[in-house]
Amino acid sequence: MIDTILEPHGEVDPEEIQENIRQCICLELLVAFLEKDKPLTKPMHTGWIFAQFMDAVIQMIRDDLTAMREDLQANGAEILSVTQDTLGRSVKFVVGGQVYEQRYLNESIRVECDELLRMILGLK
């Protein structure tokens, strides 16, 4: 489980909210990457085991993502939209009624996804 739970209804730290939103974006992408890679395990002799393992990891990430979104909502924050272009993603989110936009470069998102997967698998 990702350790980024916010304290609900307390003093809202905009930097902490922004960090959790960035992690939500990365976790969503990580799920998409793993889903895309999962069929590559089929030709392997033990592919069915790797596919089950990937399903378990994907579900763990989805559970973390659900908990993170619930924590964001409890603190008055919500992701409104995510737009992808050739260089990165623009994320619009609301915190306490105020709308913000943040841009994340593809390369930094990729690195973050790699680090999150290593952490989830206990490889770091």
Protein backbone atom coordinates (compact mmCIF):
# COMPACT_ATOMS: atom_id res chain seq x y z
CA MET A 1 0.00 0.00 0.00
CA ILE A 2 1.17 3.51 -0.81
CA ASP A 3 1.71 5.55 2.35
CA THR A 4 0.13 8.91 1.45
CA ILE A 5 -3.07 9.04 3.48
CA LEU A 6 -4.11 12.58 4.42
CA GLU A 7 -5.62 13.56 7.74
CA PRO A 8 -9.28 14.22 6.87
CA HIS A 9 -10.88 17.57 7.58
CA GLY A 10 -7.75 19.02 9.17
CA GLU A 11 -5.68 21.90 7.90
CA VAL A 12 -5.26 21.28 4.16
CA ASP A 13 -1.66 21.50 2.94
CA PRO A 14 -1.77 22.43 -0.79
CA GLU A 15 1.63 20.82 -1.41
CA GLU A 16 0.48 17.56 0.17
CA ILE A 17 -2.72 17.63 -1.90
CA GLN A 18 -0.70 18.28 -5.06
CA GLU A 19 1.67 15.40 -4.20
CA ASN A 20 -1.25 13.02 -3.71
CA ILE A 21 -2.83 14.12 -6.99
CA ARG A 22 0.48 13.48 -8.77
CA GLN A 23 0.63 10.01 -7.21
CA CYS A 24 -2.96 9.32 -8.30
CA ILE A 25 -2.04 10.23 -11.88
CA CYS A 26 1.02 7.97 -11.73
CA LEU A 27 -0.93 5.06 -10.23
CA GLU A 28 -3.59 5.35 -12.94
CA LEU A 29 -0.87 5.18 -15.57
CA LEU A 30 0.85 2.30 -13.81
CA VAL A 31 -2.38 0.28 -13.94
CA ALA A 32 -2.68 1.05 -17.67
CA PHE A 33 0.95 0.02 -18.29
CA LEU A 34 0.55 -3.24 -16.39
CA GLU A 35 -2.70 -4.06 -18.18
CA LYS A 36 -0.96 -3.45 -21.52
CA ASP A 37 2.05 -5.61 -20.56
CA LYS A 38 0.01 -8.49 -19.12
CA PRO A 39 -0.68 -10.19 -22.50
CA LEU A 40 3.09 -10.44 -23.04
CA THR A 41 3.20 -13.10 -20.32
CA LYS A 42 0.96 -15.54 -22.27
CA PRO A 43 3.70 -17.02 -24.50
CA MET A 44 5.80 -17.86 -21.44
CA HIS A 45 5.71 -21.39 -20.00
CA THR A 46 4.68 -19.94 -16.65
CA GLY A 47 2.73 -17.07 -18.17
CA TRP A 48 -0.47 -17.86 -16.30
CA ILE A 49 1.36 -17.43 -12.98
CA PHE A 50 2.78 -14.07 -14.06
CA ALA A 51 -0.66 -13.00 -15.29
CA GLN A 52 -2.16 -13.85 -11.88
CA PHE A 53 0.66 -11.98 -10.16
CA MET A 54 0.07 -8.93 -12.35
CA ASP A 55 -3.68 -9.10 -11.64
CA ALA A 56 -2.94 -9.08 -7.90
CA VAL A 57 -0.57 -6.11 -8.24
CA ILE A 58 -3.08 -4.23 -10.39
CA GLN A 59 -5.83 -4.82 -7.83
CA MET A 60 -3.56 -3.64 -5.00
CA ILE A 61 -2.82 -0.44 -6.93
CA ARG A 62 -6.53 0.10 -7.68
CA ASP A 63 -7.33 -0.32 -3.97
CA ASP A 64 -4.64 2.26 -3.07
CA LEU A 65 -5.96 4.59 -5.75
CA THR A 66 -9.51 4.32 -4.40
CA ALA A 67 -8.30 5.08 -0.85
CA MET A 68 -6.25 8.06 -2.08
CA ARG A 69 -9.23 9.53 -3.98
CA GLU A 70 -11.44 9.10 -0.91
CA ASP A 71 -8.84 10.90 1.20
CA LEU A 72 -8.61 13.71 -1.34
CA GLN A 73 -12.39 14.12 -1.32
CA ALA A 74 -12.47 14.12 2.49
CA ASN A 75 -10.09 17.10 2.29
CA GLY A 76 -12.14 18.98 -0.30
CA ALA A 77 -9.96 18.03 -3.27
CA GLU A 78 -10.90 16.28 -6.50
CA ILE A 79 -9.32 15.65 -9.89
CA LEU A 80 -11.52 17.27 -12.54
CA SER A 81 -9.73 16.33 -15.77
CA VAL A 82 -6.53 14.87 -17.17
CA THR A 83 -5.39 15.84 -20.67
CA GLN A 84 -2.49 14.10 -22.44
CA ASP A 85 -0.37 15.66 -25.17
CA THR A 86 2.98 14.73 -26.73
CA LEU A 87 5.07 16.19 -23.87
CA GLY A 88 2.99 15.42 -20.81
CA ARG A 89 -0.26 15.63 -18.91
CA SER A 90 -2.23 18.60 -17.70
CA VAL A 91 -4.33 17.92 -14.63
CA LYS A 92 -7.13 20.19 -13.46
CA PHE A 93 -8.18 19.74 -9.86
CA VAL A 94 -10.21 21.55 -7.26
CA VAL A 95 -9.19 22.17 -3.65
CA GLY A 96 -11.65 23.89 -1.34
CA GLY A 97 -13.63 25.28 -4.27
CA GLN A 98 -10.54 26.73 -6.02
CA VAL A 99 -9.59 25.20 -9.41
CA TYR A 100 -5.90 24.59 -10.16
CA GLU A 101 -3.99 23.16 -13.11
CA GLN A 102 -0.68 21.31 -12.93
CA ARG A 103 1.47 19.97 -15.76
CA TYR A 104 3.52 16.77 -15.50
CA LEU A 105 6.14 15.86 -18.11
CA ASN A 106 5.96 12.35 -19.57
CA GLU A 107 9.55 11.50 -18.62
CA SER A 108 9.09 12.45 -14.98
CA ILE A 109 5.82 10.48 -14.85
CA ARG A 110 7.58 7.42 -16.29
CA VAL A 111 10.33 7.64 -13.67
CA GLU A 112 7.73 8.05 -10.92
CA CYS A 113 5.79 5.02 -12.19
CA ASP A 114 8.97 2.93 -12.14
CA GLU A 115 9.74 4.03 -8.58
CA LEU A 116 6.18 3.36 -7.39
CA LEU A 117 6.20 -0.14 -8.90
CA ARG A 118 9.54 -0.92 -7.25
CA MET A 119 8.16 0.29 -3.93
CA ILE A 120 4.93 -1.71 -4.32
CA LEU A 121 6.92 -4.86 -5.14
CA GLY A 122 9.34 -4.26 -2.30
CA LEU A 123 12.31 -3.91 -4.64
CA LYS A 124 13.58 -0.63 -3.19
